[in-house]
Amino acid sequence: MALFLLVLVVCLAIFGGMIALLMLSGTPRYRTEPEHLLELFDKALESRVGETEWNAIIGYPIRHDDYLDGIRRRAQRLMDEHGRHGRVTRGKPLLDATGQEELAALRDHLAAHTSLQRRQD
């Protein structure tokens, strides 16, 4: 009987510890900053980005900054209108020529906005 109680107490301690650890640990969050988008746009313009990386960053909503989320949605629209699945695997850029031009303009707009924000802060 003593062995049963000892095993029961040890199991309860292990389970209780695991539950406490899970309750106290926070959910990891990825926070997209303007630098992340600028880096992604630069890679896309230089044809160094894969579709997986593009979709991982552009497909993740930005809840802390409405302006950045608008930029993200415009980039997503560019991919929908001027990109095709599998272009990168065939050695082509992520976007066609028109999409590249629009992405360069979007990148320049974001860079100007970011530098203006930094100067104001």
N, C-alpha and C. Protein backbone atom coordinates (compact mmCIF):
# COMPACT_ATOMS: atom_id res chain seq x y z
N MET A 1 0.81 -1.19 0.00
CA MET A 1 0.00 0.00 0.00
C MET A 1 0.86 1.26 0.00
N ALA A 2 1.97 1.20 0.72
CA ALA A 2 2.87 2.35 0.79
C ALA A 2 3.49 2.62 -0.58
N LEU A 3 3.81 1.55 -1.30
CA LEU A 3 4.39 1.69 -2.64
C LEU A 3 3.38 2.34 -3.59
N PHE A 4 2.12 1.92 -3.49
CA PHE A 4 1.06 2.52 -4.31
C PHE A 4 0.93 4.02 -4.04
N LEU A 5 0.93 4.41 -2.79
CA LEU A 5 0.81 5.83 -2.44
C LEU A 5 2.03 6.62 -2.91
N LEU A 6 3.20 6.01 -2.81
CA LEU A 6 4.42 6.68 -3.27
C LEU A 6 4.38 6.91 -4.79
N VAL A 7 3.97 5.91 -5.55
CA VAL A 7 3.86 6.04 -7.01
C VAL A 7 2.79 7.07 -7.36
N LEU A 8 1.67 7.04 -6.65
CA LEU A 8 0.60 8.00 -6.89
C LEU A 8 1.07 9.44 -6.63
N VAL A 9 1.77 9.66 -5.56
CA VAL A 9 2.26 11.01 -5.22
C VAL A 9 3.28 11.48 -6.25
N VAL A 10 4.18 10.60 -6.67
CA VAL A 10 5.19 10.96 -7.66
C VAL A 10 4.52 11.30 -9.00
N CYS A 11 3.55 10.50 -9.41
CA CYS A 11 2.84 10.77 -10.67
C CYS A 11 2.07 12.08 -10.60
N LEU A 12 1.40 12.32 -9.48
CA LEU A 12 0.67 13.58 -9.32
C LEU A 12 1.62 14.77 -9.32
N ALA A 13 2.78 14.61 -8.71
CA ALA A 13 3.77 15.70 -8.71
C ALA A 13 4.27 15.98 -10.12
N ILE A 14 4.53 14.94 -10.89
CA ILE A 14 5.01 15.11 -12.27
C ILE A 14 3.93 15.77 -13.11
N PHE A 15 2.71 15.26 -13.06
CA PHE A 15 1.62 15.84 -13.84
C PHE A 15 1.30 17.27 -13.41
N GLY A 16 1.30 17.50 -12.11
CA GLY A 16 1.06 18.84 -11.60
C GLY A 16 2.14 19.81 -12.05
N GLY A 17 3.39 19.37 -12.02
CA GLY A 17 4.49 20.21 -12.49
C GLY A 17 4.39 20.52 -13.97
N MET A 18 4.00 19.53 -14.74
CA MET A 18 3.85 19.75 -16.19
C MET A 18 2.71 20.72 -16.46
N ILE A 19 1.62 20.57 -15.78
CA ILE A 19 0.48 21.47 -15.98
C ILE A 19 0.85 22.89 -15.56
N ALA A 20 1.55 23.03 -14.43
CA ALA A 20 1.98 24.36 -13.97
C ALA A 20 2.94 24.99 -14.98
N LEU A 21 3.85 24.20 -15.53
CA LEU A 21 4.80 24.70 -16.52
C LEU A 21 4.08 25.17 -17.78
N LEU A 22 3.12 24.40 -18.24
CA LEU A 22 2.36 24.79 -19.43
C LEU A 22 1.49 26.02 -19.18
N MET A 23 0.94 26.14 -17.98
CA MET A 23 0.10 27.29 -17.66
C MET A 23 0.92 28.58 -17.54
N LEU A 24 2.13 28.47 -17.04
CA LEU A 24 2.97 29.65 -16.81
C LEU A 24 3.74 30.09 -18.05
N SER A 25 3.98 29.17 -18.96
CA SER A 25 4.72 29.55 -20.17
C SER A 25 3.77 30.20 -21.17
N GLY A 26 4.22 31.27 -21.78
CA GLY A 26 3.37 32.01 -22.72
C GLY A 26 3.48 31.43 -24.12
N THR A 27 2.51 31.75 -24.93
CA THR A 27 2.53 31.32 -26.31
C THR A 27 3.52 32.18 -27.08
N PRO A 28 4.42 31.58 -27.85
CA PRO A 28 5.36 32.39 -28.60
C PRO A 28 4.64 33.19 -29.68
N ARG A 29 5.05 34.42 -29.85
CA ARG A 29 4.45 35.31 -30.84
C ARG A 29 5.53 35.82 -31.77
N TYR A 30 5.21 35.88 -33.02
CA TYR A 30 6.10 36.47 -34.01
C TYR A 30 5.59 37.86 -34.31
N ARG A 31 6.41 38.86 -34.13
CA ARG A 31 6.01 40.24 -34.34
C ARG A 31 6.75 40.77 -35.58
N THR A 32 6.00 40.99 -36.64
CA THR A 32 6.58 41.48 -37.88
C THR A 32 6.85 42.97 -37.75
N GLU A 33 8.08 43.36 -38.01
CA GLU A 33 8.50 44.76 -37.97
C GLU A 33 8.77 45.23 -39.39
N PRO A 34 8.84 46.55 -39.61
CA PRO A 34 9.11 47.06 -40.96
C PRO A 34 10.40 46.51 -41.57
N GLU A 35 11.40 46.28 -40.73
CA GLU A 35 12.67 45.75 -41.23
C GLU A 35 12.50 44.36 -41.84
N HIS A 36 11.62 43.55 -41.26
CA HIS A 36 11.36 42.22 -41.81
C HIS A 36 10.76 42.32 -43.21
N LEU A 37 9.79 43.22 -43.37
CA LEU A 37 9.16 43.38 -44.68
C LEU A 37 10.15 43.96 -45.70
N LEU A 38 10.96 44.94 -45.27
CA LEU A 38 11.95 45.52 -46.19
C LEU A 38 12.96 44.47 -46.65
N GLU A 39 13.40 43.65 -45.72
CA GLU A 39 14.34 42.58 -46.06
C GLU A 39 13.70 41.57 -47.03
N LEU A 40 12.46 41.23 -46.77
CA LEU A 40 11.74 40.30 -47.65
C LEU A 40 11.56 40.90 -49.04
N PHE A 41 11.18 42.17 -49.11
CA PHE A 41 11.00 42.82 -50.40
C PHE A 41 12.31 42.90 -51.16
N ASP A 42 13.42 43.20 -50.45
CA ASP A 42 14.73 43.23 -51.11
C ASP A 42 15.09 41.86 -51.67
N LYS A 43 14.85 40.82 -50.90
CA LYS A 43 15.13 39.47 -51.38
C LYS A 43 14.28 39.13 -52.59
N ALA A 44 13.01 39.54 -52.56
CA ALA A 44 12.11 39.24 -53.68
C ALA A 44 12.56 39.99 -54.93
N LEU A 45 13.00 41.23 -54.77
CA LEU A 45 13.45 42.02 -55.92
C LEU A 45 14.75 41.47 -56.49
N GLU A 46 15.57 40.84 -55.66
CA GLU A 46 16.82 40.24 -56.11
C GLU A 46 16.65 38.77 -56.47
N SER A 47 15.44 38.26 -56.43
CA SER A 47 15.12 36.86 -56.74
C SER A 47 15.86 35.88 -55.83
N ARG A 48 15.95 36.23 -54.55
CA ARG A 48 16.60 35.36 -53.58
C ARG A 48 15.62 34.79 -52.55
N VAL A 49 14.33 34.99 -52.75
CA VAL A 49 13.34 34.53 -51.79
C VAL A 49 12.57 33.36 -52.38
N GLY A 50 12.24 32.41 -51.53
CA GLY A 50 11.41 31.29 -51.97
C GLY A 50 9.95 31.55 -51.65
N GLU A 51 9.10 30.79 -52.29
CA GLU A 51 7.66 30.96 -52.06
C GLU A 51 7.28 30.65 -50.62
N THR A 52 7.96 29.71 -50.00
CA THR A 52 7.64 29.34 -48.63
C THR A 52 7.93 30.50 -47.68
N GLU A 53 9.10 31.12 -47.81
CA GLU A 53 9.43 32.25 -46.96
C GLU A 53 8.48 33.42 -47.21
N TRP A 54 8.19 33.68 -48.48
CA TRP A 54 7.26 34.76 -48.83
C TRP A 54 5.90 34.53 -48.19
N ASN A 55 5.37 33.33 -48.37
CA ASN A 55 4.03 33.03 -47.84
C ASN A 55 4.01 33.02 -46.31
N ALA A 56 5.12 32.61 -45.68
CA ALA A 56 5.16 32.58 -44.22
C ALA A 56 5.09 33.98 -43.63
N ILE A 57 5.77 34.94 -44.26
CA ILE A 57 5.78 36.30 -43.71
C ILE A 57 4.56 37.08 -44.19
N ILE A 58 4.23 37.01 -45.46
CA ILE A 58 3.12 37.78 -46.01
C ILE A 58 1.78 37.20 -45.58
N GLY A 59 1.72 35.92 -45.32
CA GLY A 59 0.46 35.29 -44.92
C GLY A 59 0.12 35.45 -43.45
N TYR A 60 1.04 35.98 -42.65
CA TYR A 60 0.83 36.13 -41.22
C TYR A 60 0.29 37.53 -40.93
N PRO A 61 -0.92 37.66 -40.41
CA PRO A 61 -1.50 38.98 -40.16
C PRO A 61 -0.69 39.78 -39.14
N ILE A 62 -0.65 41.09 -39.34
CA ILE A 62 0.07 41.99 -38.45
C ILE A 62 -0.98 42.76 -37.66
N ARG A 63 -1.17 42.37 -36.42
CA ARG A 63 -2.25 42.94 -35.62
C ARG A 63 -1.84 44.18 -34.83
N HIS A 64 -0.55 44.39 -34.64
CA HIS A 64 -0.11 45.50 -33.81
C HIS A 64 0.06 46.81 -34.58
N ASP A 65 0.02 46.77 -35.92
CA ASP A 65 0.23 47.98 -36.71
C ASP A 65 -0.63 47.89 -37.98
N ASP A 66 -1.66 48.73 -38.04
CA ASP A 66 -2.56 48.70 -39.20
C ASP A 66 -1.87 49.11 -40.49
N TYR A 67 -0.94 50.05 -40.41
CA TYR A 67 -0.22 50.48 -41.60
C TYR A 67 0.59 49.32 -42.18
N LEU A 68 1.33 48.62 -41.33
CA LEU A 68 2.13 47.47 -41.79
C LEU A 68 1.24 46.37 -42.35
N ASP A 69 0.08 46.18 -41.74
CA ASP A 69 -0.83 45.16 -42.24
C ASP A 69 -1.35 45.55 -43.63
N GLY A 70 -1.57 46.85 -43.85
CA GLY A 70 -1.97 47.30 -45.19
C GLY A 70 -0.88 47.02 -46.22
N ILE A 71 0.38 47.26 -45.84
CA ILE A 71 1.51 46.95 -46.74
C ILE A 71 1.55 45.46 -47.01
N ARG A 72 1.35 44.66 -45.97
CA ARG A 72 1.37 43.20 -46.13
C ARG A 72 0.26 42.75 -47.08
N ARG A 73 -0.93 43.35 -46.92
CA ARG A 73 -2.05 42.96 -47.79
C ARG A 73 -1.80 43.38 -49.24
N ARG A 74 -1.17 44.55 -49.45
CA ARG A 74 -0.83 44.97 -50.81
C ARG A 74 0.18 44.01 -51.44
N ALA A 75 1.15 43.57 -50.65
CA ALA A 75 2.14 42.61 -51.15
C ALA A 75 1.46 41.28 -51.47
N GLN A 76 0.51 40.89 -50.66
CA GLN A 76 -0.23 39.66 -50.91
C GLN A 76 -1.05 39.79 -52.20
N ARG A 77 -1.66 40.96 -52.41
CA ARG A 77 -2.40 41.20 -53.64
C ARG A 77 -1.48 41.17 -54.85
N LEU A 78 -0.27 41.72 -54.71
CA LEU A 78 0.70 41.66 -55.80
C LEU A 78 1.02 40.22 -56.18
N MET A 79 1.19 39.38 -55.19
CA MET A 79 1.48 37.97 -55.46
C MET A 79 0.28 37.32 -56.15
N ASP A 80 -0.91 37.65 -55.72
CA ASP A 80 -2.11 37.07 -56.33
C ASP A 80 -2.25 37.50 -57.78
N GLU A 81 -1.92 38.76 -58.08
CA GLU A 81 -2.12 39.29 -59.42
C GLU A 81 -0.94 39.04 -60.36
N HIS A 82 0.29 39.10 -59.83
CA HIS A 82 1.46 39.07 -60.70
C HIS A 82 2.40 37.90 -60.44
N GLY A 83 2.05 37.01 -59.56
CA GLY A 83 2.90 35.86 -59.27
C GLY A 83 2.21 34.56 -59.66
N ARG A 84 2.99 33.57 -59.89
CA ARG A 84 2.43 32.25 -60.22
C ARG A 84 3.14 31.20 -59.37
N HIS A 85 2.39 30.20 -58.98
CA HIS A 85 2.95 29.13 -58.17
C HIS A 85 4.02 28.40 -58.98
N GLY A 86 5.17 28.22 -58.38
CA GLY A 86 6.24 27.46 -59.01
C GLY A 86 7.19 28.27 -59.87
N ARG A 87 7.06 29.58 -59.91
CA ARG A 87 7.96 30.41 -60.72
C ARG A 87 9.40 30.30 -60.20
N VAL A 88 9.57 30.31 -58.90
CA VAL A 88 10.91 30.30 -58.32
C VAL A 88 11.61 28.98 -58.61
N THR A 89 10.87 27.88 -58.57
CA THR A 89 11.48 26.58 -58.82
C THR A 89 11.92 26.43 -60.27
N ARG A 90 11.32 27.23 -61.16
CA ARG A 90 11.74 27.20 -62.56
C ARG A 90 12.83 28.22 -62.85
N GLY A 91 13.35 28.88 -61.80
CA GLY A 91 14.44 29.82 -61.97
C GLY A 91 13.99 31.22 -62.34
N LYS A 92 12.72 31.50 -62.24
CA LYS A 92 12.20 32.83 -62.57
C LYS A 92 11.98 33.62 -61.29
N PRO A 93 11.87 34.96 -61.40
CA PRO A 93 11.56 35.75 -60.20
C PRO A 93 10.19 35.41 -59.65
N LEU A 94 9.98 35.78 -58.40
CA LEU A 94 8.71 35.50 -57.73
C LEU A 94 7.54 36.20 -58.43
N LEU A 95 7.77 37.42 -58.92
CA LEU A 95 6.73 38.20 -59.58
C LEU A 95 7.16 38.50 -61.01
N ASP A 96 6.18 38.79 -61.87
CA ASP A 96 6.51 39.19 -63.24
C ASP A 96 7.03 40.62 -63.24
N ALA A 97 7.34 41.18 -64.41
CA ALA A 97 7.96 42.51 -64.50
C ALA A 97 7.09 43.60 -63.89
N THR A 98 5.80 43.56 -64.16
CA THR A 98 4.91 44.57 -63.58
C THR A 98 4.85 44.44 -62.06
N GLY A 99 4.80 43.23 -61.58
CA GLY A 99 4.78 42.98 -60.14
C GLY A 99 6.08 43.44 -59.49
N GLN A 100 7.21 43.23 -60.16
CA GLN A 100 8.49 43.68 -59.63
C GLN A 100 8.51 45.21 -59.48
N GLU A 101 7.99 45.90 -60.49
CA GLU A 101 7.95 47.37 -60.44
C GLU A 101 7.06 47.85 -59.28
N GLU A 102 5.90 47.24 -59.15
CA GLU A 102 4.99 47.64 -58.07
C GLU A 102 5.57 47.30 -56.71
N LEU A 103 6.26 46.17 -56.60
CA LEU A 103 6.89 45.80 -55.34
C LEU A 103 8.02 46.76 -55.00
N ALA A 104 8.79 47.20 -56.00
CA ALA A 104 9.85 48.18 -55.75
C ALA A 104 9.26 49.50 -55.25
N ALA A 105 8.14 49.92 -55.84
CA ALA A 105 7.48 51.15 -55.39
C ALA A 105 6.95 50.98 -53.96
N LEU A 106 6.38 49.82 -53.67
CA LEU A 106 5.87 49.54 -52.32
C LEU A 106 7.01 49.52 -51.31
N ARG A 107 8.14 48.94 -51.70
CA ARG A 107 9.31 48.88 -50.83
C ARG A 107 9.84 50.29 -50.55
N ASP A 108 9.92 51.12 -51.58
CA ASP A 108 10.40 52.49 -51.41
C ASP A 108 9.45 53.29 -50.51
N HIS A 109 8.17 53.08 -50.68
CA HIS A 109 7.16 53.76 -49.85
C HIS A 109 7.32 53.35 -48.38
N LEU A 110 7.49 52.06 -48.13
CA LEU A 110 7.65 51.57 -46.76
C LEU A 110 8.96 52.10 -46.16
N ALA A 111 10.03 52.13 -46.94
CA ALA A 111 11.31 52.63 -46.43
C ALA A 111 11.20 54.11 -46.07
N ALA A 112 10.53 54.90 -46.92
CA ALA A 112 10.36 56.32 -46.63
C ALA A 112 9.50 56.53 -45.39
N HIS A 113 8.43 55.78 -45.28
CA HIS A 113 7.54 55.89 -44.11
C HIS A 113 8.28 55.50 -42.84
N THR A 114 9.07 54.44 -42.90
CA THR A 114 9.81 53.97 -41.72
C THR A 114 10.85 55.01 -41.29
N SER A 115 11.58 55.58 -42.24
CA SER A 115 12.58 56.58 -41.87
C SER A 115 11.91 57.83 -41.30
N LEU A 116 10.76 58.20 -41.83
CA LEU A 116 10.03 59.35 -41.30
C LEU A 116 9.55 59.08 -39.88
N GLN A 117 9.07 57.89 -39.62
CA GLN A 117 8.62 57.50 -38.27
C GLN A 117 9.78 57.53 -37.30
N ARG A 118 10.93 57.03 -37.72
CA ARG A 118 12.11 57.00 -36.83
C ARG A 118 12.58 58.42 -36.52
N ARG A 119 12.51 59.31 -37.50
CA ARG A 119 12.92 60.69 -37.28
C ARG A 119 11.99 61.39 -36.30
N GLN A 120 10.70 61.06 -36.34
CA GLN A 120 9.73 61.69 -35.45
C GLN A 120 9.85 61.18 -34.02
N ASP A 121 10.30 59.95 -33.87
CA ASP A 121 10.40 59.36 -32.53
C ASP A 121 11.66 59.77 -31.87
